[in-house]
Protein backbone atom coordinates (compact mmCIF):
# COMPACT_ATOMS: atom_id res chain seq x y z
CA MET A 1 134.09 111.80 45.69
CA ALA A 2 130.57 110.26 44.62
CA GLY A 3 131.78 107.15 46.52
CA GLY A 4 133.20 108.65 49.02
CA LYS A 5 129.60 110.40 50.25
CA PRO A 6 127.60 106.68 51.30
CA GLU A 7 131.06 105.98 53.31
CA ALA A 8 130.87 109.16 55.09
CA LEU A 9 126.82 109.15 55.49
CA PHE A 10 127.35 105.40 57.28
CA PHE A 11 130.60 106.73 59.51
CA LEU A 12 128.20 109.59 60.86
CA LEU A 13 125.27 107.19 61.24
CA VAL A 14 127.51 104.57 63.43
CA CYS A 15 128.66 107.66 65.29
CA LEU A 16 125.40 108.78 66.13
CA LEU A 17 124.79 105.07 67.21
CA VAL A 18 127.35 105.18 69.40
CA VAL A 19 127.26 108.13 71.26
CA SER A 20 123.53 107.21 71.60
CA ALA A 21 124.66 104.09 73.25
CA ALA A 22 126.97 105.65 75.41
CA ALA A 23 124.55 108.76 76.50
CA GLU A 24 123.38 108.95 80.15
CA GLY A 25 119.52 108.42 80.28
CA PRO A 26 117.60 111.77 81.54
CA TYR A 27 117.01 112.79 85.23
CA ARG A 28 113.46 113.22 86.61
CA SER A 29 113.04 114.17 90.03
CA TYR A 30 110.52 114.26 92.49
CA ASP A 31 110.24 116.10 96.08
CA TRP A 32 107.50 113.98 98.45
CA LYS A 33 106.63 114.95 101.96
CA VAL A 34 105.26 111.56 103.79
CA THR A 35 102.65 112.40 106.68
CA TYR A 36 99.60 111.05 107.95
CA GLY A 37 96.39 112.38 106.82
CA ASP A 38 92.13 111.61 107.46
CA ILE A 39 90.85 109.65 104.37
CA ASN A 40 86.89 107.88 104.37
CA PRO A 41 87.08 105.09 101.19
CA LEU A 42 84.52 102.91 103.26
CA GLY A 43 82.59 105.29 105.14
CA THR A 44 84.44 105.16 108.09
CA PRO A 45 87.26 108.02 108.74
CA GLN A 46 90.87 106.65 109.41
CA GLN A 47 94.17 107.68 109.32
CA ALA A 48 96.46 107.09 106.16
CA ILE A 49 99.84 107.54 104.73
CA LEU A 50 99.66 110.24 102.16
CA ILE A 51 102.59 111.14 99.74
CA ASN A 52 102.35 115.18 99.10
CA GLY A 53 98.69 114.91 100.40
CA GLN A 54 97.87 112.49 97.62
CA PHE A 55 95.93 109.40 98.28
CA PRO A 56 97.28 106.59 96.44
CA GLY A 57 100.66 108.57 95.84
CA PRO A 58 102.09 110.38 92.71
CA LYS A 59 102.32 107.93 89.30
CA ILE A 60 105.93 107.79 88.04
CA GLU A 61 106.05 107.81 84.36
CA CYS A 62 109.46 107.58 83.19
CA GLN A 63 110.97 105.71 80.21
CA THR A 64 113.70 102.90 79.87
CA ASP A 65 117.02 104.09 80.97
CA ASP A 66 115.74 107.36 83.10
CA ASN A 67 117.34 108.00 86.21
CA LEU A 68 115.00 108.86 88.89
CA ILE A 69 115.74 110.91 91.96
CA ILE A 70 113.51 110.72 94.64
CA ASN A 71 113.73 112.72 97.88
CA VAL A 72 111.23 111.29 100.55
CA HIS A 73 110.93 113.48 103.52
CA ASN A 74 109.30 111.73 106.32
CA ASN A 75 106.84 113.80 108.70
CA LEU A 76 105.58 110.77 110.09
CA PRO A 77 106.46 110.26 114.02
CA GLU A 78 108.10 106.79 113.11
CA PRO A 79 111.03 105.65 110.87
CA PHE A 80 109.96 104.71 107.12
CA LEU A 81 110.90 103.50 104.14
CA LEU A 82 109.75 103.17 100.36
CA SER A 83 110.17 100.25 98.08
CA TRP A 84 110.05 99.66 94.29
CA ASN A 85 108.34 96.49 93.56
CA GLY A 86 109.93 95.59 90.05
CA LEU A 87 112.68 98.42 89.67
CA GLN A 88 115.47 95.92 89.53
CA GLN A 89 118.38 98.49 90.80
CA ARG A 90 120.55 97.05 88.33
CA LYS A 91 124.40 96.90 90.83
CA ASN A 92 122.41 98.83 93.05
CA SER A 93 120.59 97.15 95.88
CA TRP A 94 121.07 100.14 98.47
CA GLN A 95 118.42 101.54 96.67
CA ASP A 96 116.04 98.87 97.13
CA GLY A 97 114.28 100.19 100.02
CA VAL A 98 114.31 97.08 102.47
CA SER A 99 115.11 96.57 105.98
CA GLY A 100 117.56 94.23 104.41
CA THR A 101 119.57 97.18 102.36
CA ASN A 102 118.21 100.12 103.69
CA CYS A 103 118.52 101.80 107.20
CA PRO A 104 115.35 103.66 107.90
CA ILE A 105 114.45 107.42 107.34
CA PRO A 106 114.11 108.86 111.18
CA PRO A 107 111.12 110.84 111.81
CA GLY A 108 111.78 114.29 110.60
CA GLN A 109 114.34 113.37 108.44
CA ASN A 110 114.78 112.50 104.36
CA PHE A 111 116.71 110.39 101.72
CA THR A 112 117.16 110.59 98.20
CA TYR A 113 116.65 107.48 96.25
CA HIS A 114 118.77 107.45 93.08
CA MET A 115 117.75 105.05 90.79
CA GLN A 116 117.66 103.94 86.95
CA ALA A 117 114.98 102.15 85.10
CA LYS A 118 118.12 100.32 83.31
CA ASP A 119 116.93 98.13 80.24
CA GLN A 120 112.86 97.75 81.67
CA ILE A 121 109.61 98.25 80.66
CA GLY A 122 106.25 97.96 82.36
CA SER A 123 104.24 98.48 85.21
CA PHE A 124 104.77 98.38 88.79
CA PHE A 125 104.00 100.03 91.63
CA TYR A 126 106.00 101.60 94.87
CA PHE A 127 105.07 101.23 98.80
CA PRO A 128 105.73 101.65 102.01
CA SER A 129 108.07 98.44 103.51
CA LEU A 130 108.32 98.95 107.40
CA ALA A 131 106.48 97.43 110.20
CA PHE A 132 102.57 97.59 108.92
CA HIS A 133 102.50 100.59 106.74
CA LYS A 134 101.20 99.26 103.54
CA ALA A 135 98.02 98.67 105.24
CA ALA A 136 97.62 102.39 105.85
CA ALA A 137 98.21 103.05 101.89
CA GLY A 138 101.50 105.42 100.81
CA PHE A 139 101.58 103.20 97.28
CA GLY A 140 101.58 104.72 93.95
CA ALA A 141 101.97 103.30 90.36
CA ILE A 142 105.10 103.19 88.31
CA HIS A 143 104.94 103.00 84.28
CA ILE A 144 108.25 102.63 82.48
CA ARG A 145 107.72 103.46 78.90
CA THR A 146 109.55 101.92 75.67
CA ARG A 147 111.85 104.28 74.02
CA PRO A 148 111.46 105.95 70.97
CA LEU A 149 112.36 104.06 67.74
CA ILE A 150 111.83 100.67 70.03
CA PRO A 151 109.20 98.68 68.21
CA VAL A 152 106.01 98.07 70.38
CA PRO A 153 103.91 95.06 69.47
CA PHE A 154 100.40 96.88 69.40
CA PRO A 155 99.16 100.22 67.84
CA PRO A 156 99.59 103.05 70.25
CA PRO A 157 96.46 103.31 72.63
CA ALA A 158 94.12 106.16 72.26
CA ASP A 159 95.28 106.65 76.24
CA GLU A 160 96.41 104.85 79.28
CA TYR A 161 94.38 104.52 82.71
CA THR A 162 95.89 103.19 86.09
CA LEU A 163 94.08 101.14 88.24
CA LEU A 164 95.49 100.29 91.69
CA ILE A 165 93.06 97.41 93.13
CA GLY A 166 93.46 96.03 96.47
CA ASP A 167 91.94 94.66 99.41
CA TRP A 168 91.21 97.53 102.66
CA TYR A 169 91.04 97.53 106.22
CA THR A 170 89.18 100.04 108.35
CA MET A 171 91.30 99.07 111.11
CA ASN A 172 94.16 101.54 111.63
CA HIS A 173 97.58 99.84 110.55
CA LYS A 174 99.44 99.77 114.21
CA ASP A 175 96.27 97.59 115.34
CA LEU A 176 96.15 95.35 112.71
CA GLN A 177 99.84 94.80 112.99
CA GLY A 178 99.15 94.76 117.17
CA MET A 179 96.54 91.40 116.18
CA LEU A 180 99.80 89.90 114.32
CA ASP A 181 102.21 90.23 117.17
CA SER A 182 99.74 89.02 119.81
CA GLY A 183 99.01 85.90 117.74
CA ARG A 184 96.17 86.57 116.15
CA GLU A 185 95.26 86.20 112.70
CA LEU A 186 93.94 88.93 110.21
CA PRO A 187 90.33 89.38 110.05
CA CYS A 188 88.92 89.56 106.23
CA PRO A 189 89.24 92.96 104.91
CA ASP A 190 86.34 95.24 104.91
CA GLY A 191 86.08 96.14 101.15
CA ILE A 192 87.61 96.66 97.72
CA LEU A 193 89.37 99.81 96.06
CA ILE A 194 90.14 101.02 93.03
CA ASN A 195 92.16 103.62 92.96
CA GLY A 196 91.70 104.45 96.63
CA LYS A 197 87.91 104.59 96.26
CA ARG A 198 85.02 102.06 96.09
CA SER A 199 81.45 102.11 94.47
CA PRO A 200 79.66 104.17 94.45
CA ASP A 201 81.77 107.09 94.64
CA GLY A 202 84.48 104.55 92.60
CA ALA A 203 87.04 105.86 89.80
CA ASP A 204 85.76 106.44 86.44
CA PHE A 205 87.26 106.62 82.96
CA THR A 206 86.11 108.11 79.83
CA VAL A 207 86.19 106.64 76.25
CA GLU A 208 85.56 107.25 72.90
CA GLN A 209 83.73 105.06 70.82
CA GLY A 210 86.10 103.08 68.52
CA LYS A 211 89.23 103.66 70.06
CA THR A 212 91.20 101.52 72.30
CA TYR A 213 92.55 102.07 75.94
CA ARG A 214 95.31 100.49 78.04
CA LEU A 215 94.68 99.87 81.46
CA ARG A 216 97.83 99.33 83.55
CA ILE A 217 96.32 97.09 87.04
CA SER A 218 98.83 96.46 89.97
CA ASN A 219 97.19 94.73 93.10
CA VAL A 220 98.48 96.96 95.78
CA GLY A 221 96.44 94.76 98.42
CA LEU A 222 97.53 92.91 101.65
CA GLN A 223 96.50 88.99 100.96
CA ASN A 224 93.65 88.76 98.30
CA THR A 225 93.98 87.60 94.71
CA LEU A 226 91.55 89.79 92.79
CA ASN A 227 89.77 89.21 89.82
CA LEU A 228 89.07 91.75 87.22
CA MET A 229 86.57 92.56 84.15
CA ILE A 230 84.98 95.03 82.14
CA GLN A 231 81.33 94.61 81.34
CA ASP A 232 80.60 93.63 77.99
CA HIS A 233 84.25 93.98 77.32
CA SER A 234 86.78 91.69 76.47
CA MET A 235 90.49 92.79 77.30
CA THR A 236 93.70 91.75 75.67
CA LEU A 237 96.53 91.30 77.97
CA VAL A 238 99.92 92.84 76.63
CA GLU A 239 102.28 93.17 79.29
CA VAL A 240 103.07 91.42 82.80
CA GLU A 241 105.61 93.18 84.78
CA GLY A 242 108.06 94.46 82.22
CA THR A 243 107.68 91.25 79.54
CA HIS A 244 105.29 91.66 76.35
CA THR A 245 103.05 88.69 76.45
CA VAL A 246 101.57 86.78 73.65
CA GLN A 247 97.95 88.29 73.10
CA ASN A 248 95.14 86.65 74.49
CA SER A 249 91.87 88.12 75.18
CA TYR A 250 90.03 87.17 78.37
CA ALA A 251 86.78 87.69 79.99
CA SER A 252 88.46 88.17 83.18
CA LEU A 253 92.06 88.23 84.79
CA ASP A 254 93.42 87.39 88.23
CA VAL A 255 95.61 89.54 89.53
CA HIS A 256 97.31 87.65 92.62
CA VAL A 257 98.19 89.97 95.71
CA GLY A 258 101.61 92.11 94.72
CA GLN A 259 101.53 91.61 90.93
CA SER A 260 101.14 93.89 87.70
CA LEU A 261 100.10 93.63 84.02
CA SER A 262 98.35 95.87 81.57
CA VAL A 263 95.65 95.34 79.02
CA LEU A 264 94.35 96.65 76.07
CA PHE A 265 90.20 96.72 75.54
CA ALA A 266 88.49 98.79 72.64
CA ALA A 267 85.36 100.68 73.17
CA ASP A 268 83.26 99.01 70.65
CA ARG A 269 80.22 98.74 72.55
CA PRO A 270 76.59 101.07 72.30
CA PRO A 271 78.06 104.32 73.99
CA ARG A 272 76.90 104.55 77.48
CA GLU A 273 78.35 103.41 80.99
CA TYR A 274 79.95 99.97 81.56
CA HIS A 275 81.13 98.45 85.28
CA VAL A 276 84.56 97.65 86.09
CA VAL A 277 84.35 94.88 88.51
CA VAL A 278 86.83 93.99 90.85
CA SER A 279 86.25 91.07 93.39
CA THR A 280 88.07 88.88 95.58
CA ARG A 281 88.82 85.18 94.74
CA PHE A 282 89.24 82.27 97.03
CA THR A 283 87.43 83.60 99.79
CA ASN A 284 84.09 82.16 101.85
CA THR A 285 82.60 85.75 101.26
CA THR A 286 82.88 87.64 98.00
CA LEU A 287 84.02 91.35 98.05
CA ARG A 288 83.56 93.30 95.32
CA SER A 289 83.84 97.18 94.35
CA THR A 290 83.24 98.62 90.78
CA ALA A 291 84.67 101.45 88.76
CA VAL A 292 83.14 103.43 85.98
CA VAL A 293 84.00 103.45 81.78
CA ARG A 294 82.14 106.12 80.47
CA TYR A 295 81.47 106.56 76.54
CA ALA A 296 81.52 109.98 75.85
CA GLY A 297 78.54 112.07 75.07
CA SER A 298 76.54 109.10 76.62
CA SER A 299 74.21 109.77 79.62
CA GLY A 300 72.94 107.42 82.65
CA PRO A 301 74.12 105.12 84.79
CA ALA A 302 75.53 101.50 83.92
CA PHE A 303 73.02 99.08 84.39
CA GLY A 304 72.48 95.45 84.22
CA SER A 305 73.43 92.73 86.38
CA LEU A 306 76.93 92.77 87.46
CA PRO A 307 79.11 89.91 85.90
CA ALA A 308 79.72 86.58 88.20
CA GLY A 309 83.65 86.13 88.53
CA PRO A 310 85.24 82.80 88.11
CA GLY A 311 85.15 80.12 90.92
CA ASP A 312 87.62 77.77 91.25
CA VAL A 313 91.50 77.26 91.47
CA GLU A 314 91.29 75.35 88.34
CA PHE A 315 90.24 78.18 86.03
CA SER A 316 93.24 80.12 87.69
CA LEU A 317 95.80 77.60 87.26
CA ASN A 318 94.89 77.43 83.66
CA GLN A 319 94.95 81.23 82.79
CA ALA A 320 98.35 81.17 84.41
CA ARG A 321 99.54 78.58 82.39
CA SER A 322 97.99 80.70 79.08
CA ILE A 323 99.87 83.53 79.91
CA ARG A 324 103.06 83.49 77.84
CA THR A 325 105.74 85.52 76.42
CA ASN A 326 105.84 87.06 73.14
CA LEU A 327 108.80 85.87 71.62
CA THR A 328 109.00 87.92 68.46
CA ALA A 329 108.60 91.14 70.13
CA SER A 330 110.97 93.74 71.57
CA GLY A 331 111.32 94.70 75.39
CA PRO A 332 113.44 97.53 76.52
CA ARG A 333 115.78 96.52 73.65
CA PRO A 334 115.48 95.95 69.74
CA ASN A 335 116.04 92.34 69.80
CA PRO A 336 113.32 89.83 70.51
CA GLN A 337 112.55 88.79 73.93
CA GLY A 338 112.93 85.24 72.68
CA SER A 339 116.52 85.65 71.90
CA TYR A 340 117.20 84.48 75.39
CA HIS A 341 117.10 80.80 74.85
CA TYR A 342 116.86 80.44 79.24
CA GLY A 343 115.30 76.68 78.45
CA SER A 344 118.66 75.47 77.06
CA ILE A 345 120.79 76.95 80.22
CA ASN A 346 122.26 74.28 82.58
CA VAL A 347 120.96 74.64 86.35
CA THR A 348 123.50 75.23 89.01
CA ARG A 349 121.24 74.67 91.84
CA THR A 350 118.10 74.02 92.88
CA ILE A 351 116.51 75.53 96.02
CA ARG A 352 113.31 74.42 97.03
CA LEU A 353 111.48 76.52 99.58
CA ALA A 354 108.52 75.12 101.69
CA SER A 355 106.37 77.63 103.68
CA SER A 356 104.17 76.12 106.29
CA SER A 357 101.65 76.81 108.70
CA PRO A 358 102.48 79.05 111.96
CA GLY A 359 105.47 77.97 114.26
CA LEU A 360 106.35 79.28 117.54
CA SER A 361 109.31 81.24 118.47
CA ALA A 362 110.64 83.07 121.19
CA GLY A 363 109.12 86.44 120.01
CA GLY A 364 105.41 84.51 119.26
CA GLU A 365 103.67 83.25 116.58
CA ARG A 366 105.61 83.43 112.91
CA ARG A 367 105.45 82.20 109.38
CA PRO A 368 108.64 80.05 108.51
CA THR A 369 110.67 79.27 105.62
CA ARG A 370 112.62 76.11 105.55
CA ARG A 371 111.94 76.60 109.72
CA SER A 372 113.58 79.84 109.39
CA SER A 373 111.67 83.32 110.31
CA TRP A 374 113.26 86.67 109.10
CA ARG A 375 113.85 88.86 112.11
CA THR A 376 114.40 92.56 111.61
CA THR A 377 117.87 93.79 112.92
CA THR A 378 119.09 97.55 113.74
CA THR A 379 121.49 97.18 110.88
CA SER A 380 120.81 96.36 107.36
CA ALA A 381 121.86 92.60 106.37
CA ALA A 382 123.85 94.13 103.10
CA CYS A 383 125.73 97.12 105.65
CA SER A 384 126.73 94.26 108.05
CA GLY A 385 127.61 91.94 105.98
CA LEU A 386 125.84 88.96 106.75
CA ALA A 387 126.59 85.83 105.23
CA ALA A 388 124.10 82.67 104.57
CA SER A 389 122.71 80.94 107.35
CA ARG A 390 122.79 77.02 106.95
CA THR A 391 120.31 74.78 106.87
CA PRO A 392 119.31 73.36 110.40
CA PRO A 393 119.62 69.69 111.05
CA PRO A 394 115.82 68.12 110.83
CA ALA A 395 113.91 67.51 113.97
CA ALA A 396 113.62 64.42 115.92
CA ALA A 397 110.85 61.97 114.35
CA GLY A 398 107.67 63.06 116.48
CA ALA A 399 109.32 66.48 117.59
CA ALA A 400 107.93 69.91 117.67
CA GLU A 401 110.16 71.66 114.94
CA GLU A 402 111.30 75.00 116.72
CA VAL A 403 110.78 77.80 114.42
CA ARG A 404 114.15 79.96 114.48
CA SER A 405 113.58 83.78 114.41
CA GLU A 406 116.94 85.43 112.69
CA THR A 407 118.26 87.91 109.89
CA ALA A 408 118.00 84.69 106.95
CA VAL A 409 120.36 85.04 104.28
CA MET A 410 121.33 82.63 101.38
CA ASP A 411 124.17 83.11 99.09
CA SER A 412 124.23 82.33 95.62
CA ASP A 413 127.21 83.15 92.95
CA HIS A 414 126.83 85.76 90.59
CA ARG A 415 126.00 84.37 87.07
CA SER A 416 124.56 81.05 88.41
CA PHE A 417 121.41 79.98 86.93
CA VAL A 418 118.86 78.27 89.58
CA GLU A 419 115.79 76.15 89.70
CA VAL A 420 113.66 77.75 92.67
CA VAL A 421 110.73 75.58 93.57
CA LEU A 422 107.88 77.18 95.68
CA GLU A 423 105.92 74.84 97.82
CA ASN A 424 102.79 75.73 99.14
CA GLY A 425 101.27 73.35 102.39
CA GLU A 426 98.52 75.47 102.83
CA ASP A 427 94.93 75.89 101.66
CA GLY A 428 95.35 79.35 100.44
CA VAL A 429 96.96 80.80 97.32
CA GLN A 430 100.38 82.29 98.33
CA SER A 431 102.32 84.86 96.31
CA TRP A 432 106.14 85.75 96.11
CA HIS A 433 108.02 88.12 94.99
CA LEU A 434 112.18 88.57 94.47
CA ASP A 435 113.69 91.91 94.23
CA GLY A 436 116.58 92.51 91.39
CA HIS A 437 115.44 89.77 89.02
CA SER A 438 112.82 88.57 87.00
CA VAL A 439 111.90 85.09 86.86
CA PHE A 440 110.70 82.57 84.16
CA VAL A 441 107.90 80.65 85.40
CA VAL A 442 107.77 77.38 83.95
CA GLY A 443 105.94 75.23 85.81
CA TYR A 444 102.50 75.38 87.96
CA ALA A 445 100.57 72.75 89.67
CA HIS A 446 98.87 71.91 92.78
CA THR A 447 97.17 68.65 94.54
CA ASN A 448 94.46 66.54 93.42
CA LYS A 449 94.43 67.81 89.84
CA ILE A 450 92.82 65.35 87.71
CA ILE A 451 94.46 64.64 84.23
CA SER A 452 91.12 63.24 82.45
CA LEU A 453 91.80 60.83 79.36
CA LEU A 454 87.80 61.24 78.42
CA ARG A 455 86.15 58.67 76.17
CA SER A 456 82.98 60.06 74.83
CA SER A 457 80.32 59.40 73.00
CA ALA A 458 76.52 61.02 71.88
CA SER A 459 75.50 58.33 74.68
CA ASP A 460 78.19 58.22 77.28
CA LEU A 461 80.95 59.82 79.16
CA VAL A 462 83.53 57.45 81.16
CA LEU A 463 85.44 59.21 83.55
CA PRO A 464 89.28 58.41 84.19
CA ASP A 465 89.93 56.05 86.60
CA ASP A 466 92.20 55.75 89.73
CA SER A 467 95.34 55.41 87.45
CA CYS A 468 94.86 58.27 85.72
CA ARG A 469 94.68 60.50 88.81
CA LEU A 470 97.70 62.33 89.72
CA ASP A 471 99.05 64.40 92.91
CA LEU A 472 100.47 67.11 91.54
CA GLY A 473 100.83 69.07 94.52
CA THR A 474 104.17 67.63 95.35
CA TRP A 475 107.16 68.29 93.04
CA SER A 476 109.32 65.58 92.46
CA GLU A 477 112.18 65.95 89.76
CA GLU A 478 109.66 64.31 87.42
CA SER A 479 108.07 67.45 87.52
CA ARG A 480 110.38 69.03 85.18
CA ASP A 481 108.68 67.04 81.98
CA SER A 482 105.92 69.47 82.29
CA TYR A 483 108.06 72.74 82.14
CA ASN A 484 107.30 75.22 79.76
CA LEU A 485 110.89 75.55 78.40
CA VAL A 486 110.36 77.97 75.53
CA ASP A 487 108.26 80.69 76.55
CA ALA A 488 107.46 80.91 79.86
CA ILE A 489 106.45 84.22 81.10
CA SER A 490 109.23 86.43 82.80
CA ARG A 491 108.19 88.53 85.89
CA CYS A 492 109.10 89.24 89.51
CA THR A 493 105.58 88.24 91.27
CA VAL A 494 104.43 84.73 90.96
CA GLN A 495 101.56 82.80 92.68
CA VAL A 496 101.20 79.68 94.35
CA TYR A 497 98.48 77.48 94.63
CA PRO A 498 97.12 75.62 97.30
CA ARG A 499 98.73 72.53 98.15
CA GLY A 500 100.68 73.10 95.03
CA TRP A 501 103.74 74.36 93.92
CA THR A 502 105.28 77.04 91.15
CA ALA A 503 109.02 76.39 89.55
CA VAL A 504 110.84 79.47 88.36
CA LEU A 505 114.26 79.59 86.62
CA ILE A 506 116.28 82.78 87.27
CA ALA A 507 119.55 84.30 85.99
CA LEU A 508 121.37 85.68 89.23
CA ASP A 509 123.01 88.16 86.99
CA ASN A 510 122.45 91.68 89.45
CA VAL A 511 124.64 91.45 92.15
CA GLY A 512 123.37 92.47 95.82
CA MET A 513 121.51 91.66 98.91
CA TRP A 514 117.68 91.24 96.78
CA ASN A 515 115.00 90.40 99.59
CA MET A 516 112.62 87.42 98.62
CA ARG A 517 109.23 87.95 100.31
CA SER A 518 105.53 86.76 100.84
CA GLU A 519 103.65 89.30 98.91
CA VAL A 520 100.63 88.30 101.92
CA TRP A 521 101.84 91.02 103.77
CA GLY A 522 100.82 89.45 107.25
CA ARG A 523 103.13 86.68 106.55
CA ARG A 524 105.71 88.79 105.13
CA TYR A 525 105.53 90.63 108.38
CA LEU A 526 105.84 87.29 110.40
CA GLY A 527 108.93 86.45 108.96
CA LEU A 528 108.03 84.88 105.66
CA GLN A 529 110.87 86.45 103.85
CA PHE A 530 114.77 86.28 103.24
CA TYR A 531 117.35 87.59 101.51
CA LEU A 532 119.24 86.32 98.79
CA ARG A 533 122.98 87.65 98.12
CA VAL A 534 124.46 87.38 94.89
CA TYR A 535 127.93 87.64 95.48
CA THR A 536 131.11 87.87 93.23
CA PRO A 537 134.68 88.21 94.47
CA THR A 538 135.62 90.34 92.02
CA HIS A 539 134.36 93.60 93.90
CA SER A 540 134.02 95.84 90.25
CA LEU A 541 132.11 98.33 89.46
CA ARG A 542 131.20 96.75 86.44
CA ASP A 543 129.51 93.96 88.61
CA GLU A 544 127.75 96.47 92.14
CA LEU A 545 127.90 100.13 93.20
CA PRO A 546 129.24 100.99 95.88
CA ILE A 547 127.23 102.38 99.55
CA PRO A 548 126.30 105.83 98.35
CA ASP A 549 128.28 108.21 100.19
CA LYS A 550 124.98 109.90 101.94
CA ALA A 551 123.47 106.62 102.81
CA LEU A 552 121.45 106.21 106.41
CA LEU A 553 123.30 104.14 108.49
CA CYS A 554 122.11 102.48 111.83
CA GLY A 555 122.88 100.32 113.95
CA ARG A 556 126.42 98.61 114.19
CA ALA A 557 127.28 100.38 110.61
CA ALA A 558 126.65 103.81 112.13
CA ALA A 559 129.79 103.32 114.07
CA ASN A 560 131.91 103.56 110.93
CA THR A 561 133.35 107.01 110.65
CA SER A 562 134.15 106.76 106.90
CA ARG A 563 130.87 106.31 105.84
CA ARG A 564 131.78 103.41 103.80
CA LEU A 565 131.50 99.85 104.47
CA ALA A 566 134.80 97.47 104.33
CA VAL A 567 134.11 94.78 101.22
CA PRO A 568 131.20 92.22 102.72
CA PRO A 569 132.98 88.65 103.66
CA PRO A 570 133.04 85.65 101.28
CA PRO A 571 130.21 83.43 101.49
CA LEU A 572 129.63 80.79 104.07
CA SER A 573 130.11 77.75 102.33
CA ARG A 574 126.95 76.01 101.60
């Protein structure tokens, strides 16, 4: 009997673990009313999209595996959709909230999203995905906390604060859309907002001396890379879009459009007010806004000159390379993040995506990828069962290349492991996002980076000759020699530097139709996006959930009286 008691306790513990693993996550329900309302963040009254009367919208706080039930009532006079930047929608692209997988919510109607934060942690955001609604707000933060008993690689902070930063226009979003429709470029933004505000009436955060705080930061703007710093404080990066990072310290951080991250900072300075400075990068005119970190018990405004941000692409590129995965830390599960050895997996396919300057199609100016520019249709691509479009033949020498406007879908096989090279032939930073997945960012480069083998002494400095100059802006197979195959950061939104390339590795383990898009929103609106269809012939609930019974149907899909779609056709040969 004495020996039976430990065995019984062990059996009970195993049963508890099995039940816990099989238990469904808790449900969190939200009821949102989407309306137009008046705001005045830059001193000019304007119309914005409000959610439950709020600008920015309500914050979603949940933990790993929670189920999110969000009932969205569209009280706008036009169709509307919300998408969830970073939520992977495992097996369930029907909830992704983009025009390729969801039909719009008609005016005066509602749609209920049923989502799960399956095996995820981290900092993300949601936004309106149709037309040019994103320029009218309608965005908010998503925070996915770690489950209890899963170790986190830093002590619990005293508190957490959200920073939604982004460039902002005073012009109405429909007027901005009209500019793009008429073939004109968008002007420079009018200002920078931090949580919907701009200095001197900006956001403020109260801290207590000697304590450490977490900032969850998302760039929800339309086009600009933003640099963030806290006056006289350093920041420790701890998480990027659901991946715990090597905990490097930074005086400032570049946050490219569409990206999210979180940092810790210690309130270890003399008690007073300090500026949080957010400024544009890589622009002819620098826009700047500030928030305030206020030490409890201090008085008087923040003072001193605002610190200047970094000035060149090289700084940003080196910083990006320093952001790496913490291999020993747990993620949403207790096993270390480094237990997935992505660098030893054979690549099954290489895809090179080269975006280019505006081209012309029958509809006017478009932004093409592989000479294909996305055209929104009345039926979502997932609902219509679209298969991939084939790459067009090359144009004749000297001939102008026509840009095709189409519902561009690229097929890939489930469980394949692909290499994607994003090439930027322009002078500005681009930013790309893939729904449904995270990617391993294994390499960056931009044109005319010089590898300097310097020989210096107290009296002389020898610069490298032409043999040491490498044009790294053009990707080749030899570029793979520079890949980080050990601890590359895993994230869902990546930047591509001017006249350069970014290489990512992707495990296509999530069946569905997934939007790959430019986060520079004018380019995305003009067609710089496509859908990646991750296909499996098995049609098992293990791999993909069926279209919901109450899904909104439109176009050709609306004619299906059963309200369930047939199995989509197999992909075209590639």
